Amino acid sequence: MRFLLGLGLGYVIGMLVAPASGQELRQQLAARADEYGREKAREIGQRAGEKAYEELRQRL
């Protein structure tokens, strides 16, 4: 988890020092944040589905 946090922080810092217009930078950061959020939501949903399946399987 710390690795991912460090990776994300390093990416943001790298984007901030990279030569790009402010609007372009904001768009890139927003796109990455959206992509990360969707990935995390997918992972959480998958884990919840697996837990629900196991609970149901144990009760039957």
N, C-alpha and C. Protein backbone atom coordinates (compact mmCIF):
# COMPACT_ATOMS: atom_id res chain seq x y z
N MET A 1 0.83 -1.18 0.00
CA MET A 1 0.00 0.00 0.00
C MET A 1 0.88 1.25 0.00
N ARG A 2 1.93 1.22 0.79
CA ARG A 2 2.84 2.37 0.82
C ARG A 2 3.52 2.57 -0.53
N PHE A 3 3.80 1.45 -1.19
CA PHE A 3 4.42 1.53 -2.50
C PHE A 3 3.52 2.28 -3.48
N LEU A 4 2.23 1.93 -3.47
CA LEU A 4 1.28 2.59 -4.38
C LEU A 4 1.14 4.07 -4.05
N LEU A 5 1.13 4.39 -2.77
CA LEU A 5 1.06 5.79 -2.36
C LEU A 5 2.30 6.54 -2.84
N GLY A 6 3.47 5.96 -2.67
CA GLY A 6 4.71 6.57 -3.14
C GLY A 6 4.75 6.70 -4.65
N LEU A 7 4.25 5.68 -5.32
CA LEU A 7 4.19 5.70 -6.78
C LEU A 7 3.28 6.83 -7.26
N GLY A 8 2.12 6.95 -6.64
CA GLY A 8 1.19 8.01 -7.01
C GLY A 8 1.74 9.38 -6.73
N LEU A 9 2.36 9.55 -5.58
CA LEU A 9 2.94 10.83 -5.21
C LEU A 9 4.08 11.20 -6.16
N GLY A 10 4.91 10.23 -6.50
CA GLY A 10 5.99 10.48 -7.45
C GLY A 10 5.47 10.87 -8.81
N TYR A 11 4.39 10.24 -9.21
CA TYR A 11 3.79 10.57 -10.51
C TYR A 11 3.28 12.01 -10.51
N VAL A 12 2.57 12.39 -9.45
CA VAL A 12 2.03 13.75 -9.36
C VAL A 12 3.15 14.78 -9.37
N ILE A 13 4.19 14.54 -8.60
CA ILE A 13 5.32 15.47 -8.56
C ILE A 13 5.98 15.55 -9.94
N GLY A 14 6.15 14.41 -10.58
CA GLY A 14 6.74 14.40 -11.92
C GLY A 14 5.89 15.18 -12.91
N MET A 15 4.59 15.05 -12.79
CA MET A 15 3.69 15.78 -13.69
C MET A 15 3.77 17.28 -13.42
N LEU A 16 3.94 17.65 -12.17
CA LEU A 16 3.98 19.07 -11.82
C LEU A 16 5.25 19.75 -12.34
N VAL A 17 6.34 19.02 -12.43
CA VAL A 17 7.59 19.62 -12.90
C VAL A 17 7.80 19.42 -14.40
N ALA A 18 6.96 18.62 -15.03
CA ALA A 18 7.07 18.39 -16.47
C ALA A 18 6.55 19.61 -17.23
N PRO A 19 7.14 19.90 -18.36
CA PRO A 19 6.68 21.05 -19.13
C PRO A 19 5.34 20.77 -19.82
N ALA A 20 4.28 21.34 -19.28
CA ALA A 20 2.95 21.24 -19.87
C ALA A 20 2.14 22.43 -19.39
N SER A 21 1.16 22.81 -20.18
CA SER A 21 0.33 23.94 -19.77
C SER A 21 -0.50 23.53 -18.55
N GLY A 22 -0.96 24.51 -17.81
CA GLY A 22 -1.75 24.22 -16.61
C GLY A 22 -3.02 23.46 -16.93
N GLN A 23 -3.70 23.85 -17.98
CA GLN A 23 -4.93 23.18 -18.35
C GLN A 23 -4.65 21.74 -18.78
N GLU A 24 -3.61 21.54 -19.55
CA GLU A 24 -3.23 20.20 -19.99
C GLU A 24 -2.88 19.32 -18.79
N LEU A 25 -2.14 19.88 -17.85
CA LEU A 25 -1.75 19.15 -16.65
C LEU A 25 -2.98 18.75 -15.84
N ARG A 26 -3.89 19.67 -15.65
CA ARG A 26 -5.10 19.37 -14.89
C ARG A 26 -5.91 18.27 -15.56
N GLN A 27 -5.99 18.30 -16.87
CA GLN A 27 -6.72 17.27 -17.61
C GLN A 27 -6.06 15.91 -17.43
N GLN A 28 -4.73 15.89 -17.50
CA GLN A 28 -4.01 14.62 -17.33
C GLN A 28 -4.19 14.07 -15.92
N LEU A 29 -4.10 14.95 -14.92
CA LEU A 29 -4.27 14.50 -13.53
C LEU A 29 -5.69 14.00 -13.30
N ALA A 30 -6.67 14.70 -13.85
CA ALA A 30 -8.06 14.27 -13.70
C ALA A 30 -8.29 12.91 -14.36
N ALA A 31 -7.70 12.71 -15.53
CA ALA A 31 -7.85 11.43 -16.23
C ALA A 31 -7.22 10.30 -15.43
N ARG A 32 -6.04 10.55 -14.88
CA ARG A 32 -5.37 9.51 -14.08
C ARG A 32 -6.16 9.22 -12.81
N ALA A 33 -6.67 10.25 -12.15
CA ALA A 33 -7.45 10.05 -10.93
C ALA A 33 -8.71 9.25 -11.24
N ASP A 34 -9.35 9.56 -12.36
CA ASP A 34 -10.55 8.84 -12.77
C ASP A 34 -10.22 7.37 -13.03
N GLU A 35 -9.13 7.13 -13.73
CA GLU A 35 -8.70 5.77 -14.04
C GLU A 35 -8.40 5.00 -12.75
N TYR A 36 -7.71 5.65 -11.82
CA TYR A 36 -7.37 5.01 -10.54
C TYR A 36 -8.64 4.70 -9.75
N GLY A 37 -9.56 5.65 -9.72
CA GLY A 37 -10.81 5.45 -8.99
C GLY A 37 -11.62 4.30 -9.55
N ARG A 38 -11.69 4.22 -10.87
CA ARG A 38 -12.43 3.13 -11.50
C ARG A 38 -11.77 1.78 -11.19
N GLU A 39 -10.45 1.75 -11.22
CA GLU A 39 -9.72 0.51 -10.93
C GLU A 39 -9.98 0.06 -9.49
N LYS A 40 -9.91 1.00 -8.56
CA LYS A 40 -10.14 0.65 -7.16
C LYS A 40 -11.57 0.19 -6.94
N ALA A 41 -12.53 0.87 -7.56
CA ALA A 41 -13.94 0.48 -7.43
C ALA A 41 -14.15 -0.93 -7.97
N ARG A 42 -13.49 -1.24 -9.08
CA ARG A 42 -13.60 -2.57 -9.67
C ARG A 42 -13.02 -3.62 -8.71
N GLU A 43 -11.88 -3.32 -8.11
CA GLU A 43 -11.26 -4.27 -7.18
C GLU A 43 -12.15 -4.50 -5.96
N ILE A 44 -12.70 -3.41 -5.42
CA ILE A 44 -13.56 -3.52 -4.24
C ILE A 44 -14.81 -4.31 -4.58
N GLY A 45 -15.40 -4.04 -5.73
CA GLY A 45 -16.59 -4.77 -6.16
C GLY A 45 -16.31 -6.25 -6.34
N GLN A 46 -15.16 -6.56 -6.89
CA GLN A 46 -14.80 -7.96 -7.10
C GLN A 46 -14.62 -8.66 -5.75
N ARG A 47 -13.94 -8.01 -4.83
CA ARG A 47 -13.76 -8.62 -3.50
C ARG A 47 -15.09 -8.80 -2.79
N ALA A 48 -15.98 -7.81 -2.90
CA ALA A 48 -17.29 -7.92 -2.26
C ALA A 48 -18.08 -9.08 -2.86
N GLY A 49 -18.01 -9.22 -4.17
CA GLY A 49 -18.71 -10.32 -4.83
C GLY A 49 -18.17 -11.67 -4.39
N GLU A 50 -16.87 -11.77 -4.27
CA GLU A 50 -16.25 -13.02 -3.83
C GLU A 50 -16.65 -13.35 -2.40
N LYS A 51 -16.67 -12.34 -1.53
CA LYS A 51 -17.08 -12.57 -0.14
C LYS A 51 -18.53 -13.00 -0.07
N ALA A 52 -19.39 -12.35 -0.83
CA ALA A 52 -20.80 -12.70 -0.84
C ALA A 52 -21.00 -14.12 -1.34
N TYR A 53 -20.27 -14.49 -2.37
CA TYR A 53 -20.36 -15.84 -2.91
C TYR A 53 -19.94 -16.86 -1.87
N GLU A 54 -18.83 -16.59 -1.19
CA GLU A 54 -18.35 -17.53 -0.17
C GLU A 54 -19.34 -17.64 0.99
N GLU A 55 -19.92 -16.52 1.42
CA GLU A 55 -20.91 -16.55 2.49
C GLU A 55 -22.11 -17.38 2.08
N LEU A 56 -22.60 -17.14 0.88
CA LEU A 56 -23.76 -17.88 0.39
C LEU A 56 -23.44 -19.36 0.27
N ARG A 57 -22.27 -19.65 -0.21
CA ARG A 57 -21.84 -21.05 -0.39
C ARG A 57 -21.75 -21.78 0.96
N GLN A 58 -21.26 -21.07 1.98
CA GLN A 58 -21.14 -21.69 3.30
C GLN A 58 -22.50 -21.93 3.94
N ARG A 59 -23.45 -21.07 3.65
CA ARG A 59 -24.79 -21.21 4.28
C ARG A 59 -25.62 -22.27 3.59
N LEU A 60 -25.31 -22.63 2.38
CA LEU A 60 -26.08 -23.66 1.69
C LEU A 60 -25.47 -24.98 1.94
